[in-house]
Amino acid sequence: MKQIFLLLLVTAAFTARAQYSADDNFSGRIRAGVAYTHDFPGLHGASAYVEYNFPLNEWLQGGIGVRRVQTSGYPRTHTVREYTKATAIDFNLLFVPFHTEYAAFRIGAGYSFSFYNARRSYPVYTSHTDPAASPEITAWPQTDARGRTRGISLTAEYEYNVSDRFSAGAKIAVCKAYGSVVMGGPFVAVKL
């Protein structure tokens, strides 16, 4: 894990230029977006995020953002509604393999720090004295958990410049909440 981030930092240090002059397509932008979010099978919901992306050079961009995730559902039993509520801070490094005056495609990785509140339900089995009988589920108690987690996030996004200051796009990401979640949806951005 440390080697990956060391490699990313070294790559950014060698490719960044002190005299780099960003044109309109590569200026820093503030983005806001919403996304459909899928936790493990059965938990679905929404995410909202705000982030600031800035150019490091023509081919690399950095970003920092805050994301709120809320998913819920009945994946194991219909008696307990399970949920995940998480707030995450994301740090990203994005590679820009395709960019024109009007559009850009980015892929990258980052690191997320998540503060979560989750409810899960796991079955309690009873055993029988008869070895031929299979165990039976007798209860589905709920378990509430609060805590912090961290991990790597992966991102792919497409952005189209609507005007000189405004753009819109779509983003797909695998990131941390309680566990890893998949999110995808639109965003709007304003150039600073």
Protein backbone atom coordinates (compact mmCIF):
# COMPACT_ATOMS: atom_id res chain seq x y z
CA MET A 1 0.00 0.00 0.00
CA LYS A 2 2.76 2.43 0.92
CA GLN A 3 4.63 1.56 -2.26
CA ILE A 4 1.61 2.51 -4.40
CA PHE A 5 1.31 5.95 -2.82
CA LEU A 6 5.06 6.49 -2.97
CA LEU A 7 4.92 5.67 -6.68
CA LEU A 8 2.02 8.11 -7.17
CA LEU A 9 3.88 10.88 -5.33
CA VAL A 10 7.10 10.30 -7.26
CA THR A 11 5.19 10.26 -10.55
CA ALA A 12 3.46 13.53 -9.68
CA ALA A 13 6.77 15.12 -8.61
CA PHE A 14 8.54 14.21 -11.86
CA THR A 15 5.69 15.09 -14.20
CA ALA A 16 4.57 18.35 -12.56
CA ARG A 17 6.09 21.55 -13.95
CA ALA A 18 6.62 24.72 -11.94
CA GLN A 19 5.98 26.85 -15.03
CA TYR A 20 2.87 24.94 -16.09
CA SER A 21 0.18 27.29 -17.36
CA ALA A 22 -3.28 25.75 -17.27
CA ASP A 23 -5.63 26.72 -20.06
CA ASP A 24 -9.41 26.93 -19.65
CA ASN A 25 -9.93 23.17 -19.93
CA PHE A 26 -7.56 22.37 -17.06
CA SER A 27 -8.41 25.02 -14.46
CA GLY A 28 -9.45 24.09 -10.97
CA ARG A 29 -13.12 23.26 -10.64
CA ILE A 30 -15.61 22.76 -7.86
CA ARG A 31 -18.01 19.90 -8.54
CA ALA A 32 -21.25 18.74 -7.01
CA GLY A 33 -22.93 15.48 -7.87
CA VAL A 34 -25.35 12.78 -6.90
CA ALA A 35 -25.00 9.09 -7.57
CA TYR A 36 -26.85 5.81 -7.33
CA THR A 37 -24.98 3.71 -4.77
CA HIS A 38 -24.87 -0.06 -4.44
CA ASP A 39 -23.49 -1.73 -1.34
CA PHE A 40 -23.43 -5.52 -1.13
CA PRO A 41 -26.47 -7.25 -2.72
CA GLY A 42 -29.67 -5.86 -1.30
CA LEU A 43 -28.49 -2.44 -0.10
CA HIS A 44 -29.14 0.44 -2.48
CA GLY A 45 -29.28 4.17 -2.02
CA ALA A 46 -27.78 7.50 -2.96
CA SER A 47 -24.61 9.47 -2.51
CA ALA A 48 -24.01 13.19 -2.70
CA TYR A 49 -20.56 14.68 -3.05
CA VAL A 50 -18.68 17.95 -3.42
CA GLU A 51 -15.07 18.02 -4.59
CA TYR A 52 -12.35 20.33 -5.79
CA ASN A 53 -10.19 19.15 -8.72
CA PHE A 54 -7.04 20.99 -9.76
CA PRO A 55 -4.46 20.45 -12.51
CA LEU A 56 -0.99 19.14 -11.71
CA ASN A 57 0.04 19.19 -15.37
CA GLU A 58 -1.60 18.51 -18.71
CA TRP A 59 -2.05 14.78 -17.98
CA LEU A 60 -2.59 14.65 -14.19
CA GLN A 61 -5.17 16.17 -11.87
CA GLY A 62 -5.49 16.07 -8.12
CA GLY A 63 -8.69 16.22 -6.14
CA ILE A 64 -10.10 16.42 -2.65
CA GLY A 65 -13.74 15.90 -1.76
CA VAL A 66 -16.40 15.04 0.76
CA ARG A 67 -19.03 12.37 0.10
CA ARG A 68 -22.19 11.34 1.99
CA VAL A 69 -23.49 7.79 1.41
CA GLN A 70 -26.89 6.41 2.49
CA THR A 71 -27.95 2.89 1.55
CA SER A 72 -30.65 0.65 2.98
CA GLY A 73 -32.58 -2.51 2.26
CA TYR A 74 -33.59 -5.98 3.40
CA PRO A 75 -30.82 -8.21 1.99
CA ARG A 76 -31.01 -11.10 4.49
CA THR A 77 -34.43 -10.98 6.16
CA HIS A 78 -37.63 -8.98 5.90
CA THR A 79 -37.69 -8.32 9.64
CA VAL A 80 -34.65 -6.00 9.91
CA ARG A 81 -33.98 -3.04 7.64
CA GLU A 82 -30.21 -2.86 7.25
CA TYR A 83 -28.49 0.41 6.38
CA THR A 84 -25.19 2.20 5.94
CA LYS A 85 -24.75 5.92 6.56
CA ALA A 86 -21.23 7.18 5.94
CA THR A 87 -19.34 10.41 5.44
CA ALA A 88 -16.04 10.10 3.60
CA ILE A 89 -13.13 12.35 2.75
CA ASP A 90 -11.52 11.47 -0.59
CA PHE A 91 -8.09 12.29 -1.99
CA ASN A 92 -7.66 11.45 -5.69
CA LEU A 93 -5.00 11.45 -8.38
CA LEU A 94 -6.52 11.32 -11.88
CA PHE A 95 -4.82 10.55 -15.19
CA VAL A 96 -6.29 12.40 -18.20
CA PRO A 97 -5.63 10.18 -21.25
CA PHE A 98 -8.15 12.02 -23.46
CA HIS A 99 -8.92 15.72 -23.49
CA THR A 100 -10.05 18.26 -26.04
CA GLU A 101 -11.28 21.82 -25.85
CA TYR A 102 -14.77 20.53 -25.07
CA ALA A 103 -14.37 17.26 -23.17
CA ALA A 104 -12.09 15.20 -20.95
CA PHE A 105 -11.96 11.57 -19.81
CA ARG A 106 -10.20 10.77 -16.53
CA ILE A 107 -9.29 7.59 -14.69
CA GLY A 108 -7.55 7.38 -11.38
CA ALA A 109 -7.14 6.14 -7.87
CA GLY A 110 -7.30 7.70 -4.48
CA TYR A 111 -7.59 7.10 -0.79
CA SER A 112 -10.76 7.48 1.27
CA PHE A 113 -11.31 7.98 4.99
CA SER A 114 -14.85 7.00 5.98
CA PHE A 115 -16.82 7.56 9.19
CA TYR A 116 -19.79 5.18 9.20
CA ASN A 117 -22.92 4.15 11.08
CA ALA A 118 -24.23 0.75 9.96
CA ARG A 119 -26.93 -1.74 10.93
CA ARG A 120 -26.62 -5.39 9.97
CA SER A 121 -28.54 -8.54 10.83
CA TYR A 122 -26.99 -12.00 10.99
CA PRO A 123 -28.87 -15.28 11.60
CA VAL A 124 -28.73 -17.21 14.86
CA TYR A 125 -28.94 -21.00 14.35
CA THR A 126 -30.14 -23.69 16.72
CA SER A 127 -28.64 -27.13 16.66
CA HIS A 128 -30.51 -30.36 17.22
CA THR A 129 -29.44 -33.42 19.11
CA ASP A 130 -30.25 -35.45 16.01
CA PRO A 131 -27.20 -35.21 13.70
CA ALA A 132 -29.35 -35.88 10.62
CA ALA A 133 -31.45 -32.76 11.22
CA SER A 134 -30.20 -29.53 9.69
CA PRO A 135 -29.79 -26.43 11.87
CA GLU A 136 -32.67 -23.98 11.92
CA ILE A 137 -32.58 -20.21 12.00
CA THR A 138 -34.33 -19.01 15.14
CA ALA A 139 -33.65 -15.25 15.16
CA TRP A 140 -32.27 -12.32 13.20
CA PRO A 141 -30.89 -9.91 15.83
CA GLN A 142 -29.74 -6.52 14.63
CA THR A 143 -26.20 -5.28 15.18
CA ASP A 144 -25.39 -1.57 15.08
CA ALA A 145 -21.84 -0.43 14.43
CA ARG A 146 -20.10 2.93 14.35
CA GLY A 147 -16.53 3.50 13.40
CA ARG A 148 -13.92 4.55 10.89
CA THR A 149 -12.40 2.81 7.92
CA ARG A 150 -10.10 3.71 5.08
CA GLY A 151 -9.10 2.31 1.73
CA ILE A 152 -8.35 2.75 -1.93
CA SER A 153 -10.92 4.18 -4.33
CA LEU A 154 -11.01 3.84 -8.13
CA THR A 155 -12.65 6.43 -10.40
CA ALA A 156 -13.56 6.91 -14.06
CA GLU A 157 -15.28 10.06 -15.26
CA TYR A 158 -16.25 11.96 -18.40
CA GLU A 159 -16.70 15.73 -18.39
CA TYR A 160 -18.13 17.95 -21.13
CA ASN A 161 -17.63 21.74 -21.10
CA VAL A 162 -21.00 23.39 -21.62
CA SER A 163 -19.48 26.88 -21.59
CA ASP A 164 -16.26 28.59 -20.51
CA ARG A 165 -17.16 28.31 -16.82
CA PHE A 166 -19.62 25.42 -16.57
CA SER A 167 -19.35 21.73 -17.33
CA ALA A 168 -21.31 18.55 -16.73
CA GLY A 169 -20.38 14.92 -16.71
CA ALA A 170 -20.74 11.43 -15.29
CA LYS A 171 -18.66 9.58 -12.73
CA ILE A 172 -18.35 5.91 -11.75
CA ALA A 173 -16.36 4.97 -8.66
CA VAL A 174 -15.60 2.12 -6.31
CA CYS A 175 -14.95 3.66 -2.90
CA LYS A 176 -15.15 3.10 0.85
CA ALA A 177 -18.19 3.62 3.04
CA TYR A 178 -18.59 0.75 5.54
CA GLY A 179 -17.22 -1.67 3.00
CA SER A 180 -16.54 -0.97 -0.64
CA VAL A 181 -19.48 0.54 -2.52
CA VAL A 182 -20.05 1.18 -6.21
CA MET A 183 -21.50 4.56 -7.15
CA GLY A 184 -22.35 6.19 -10.45
CA GLY A 185 -24.12 9.33 -11.53
CA PRO A 186 -24.01 12.86 -12.97
CA PHE A 187 -22.20 15.95 -11.73
CA VAL A 188 -21.96 19.64 -12.57
CA ALA A 189 -18.81 21.74 -12.22
CA VAL A 190 -17.88 25.42 -12.04
CA LYS A 191 -14.45 26.71 -13.04
CA LEU A 192 -12.85 28.97 -10.48
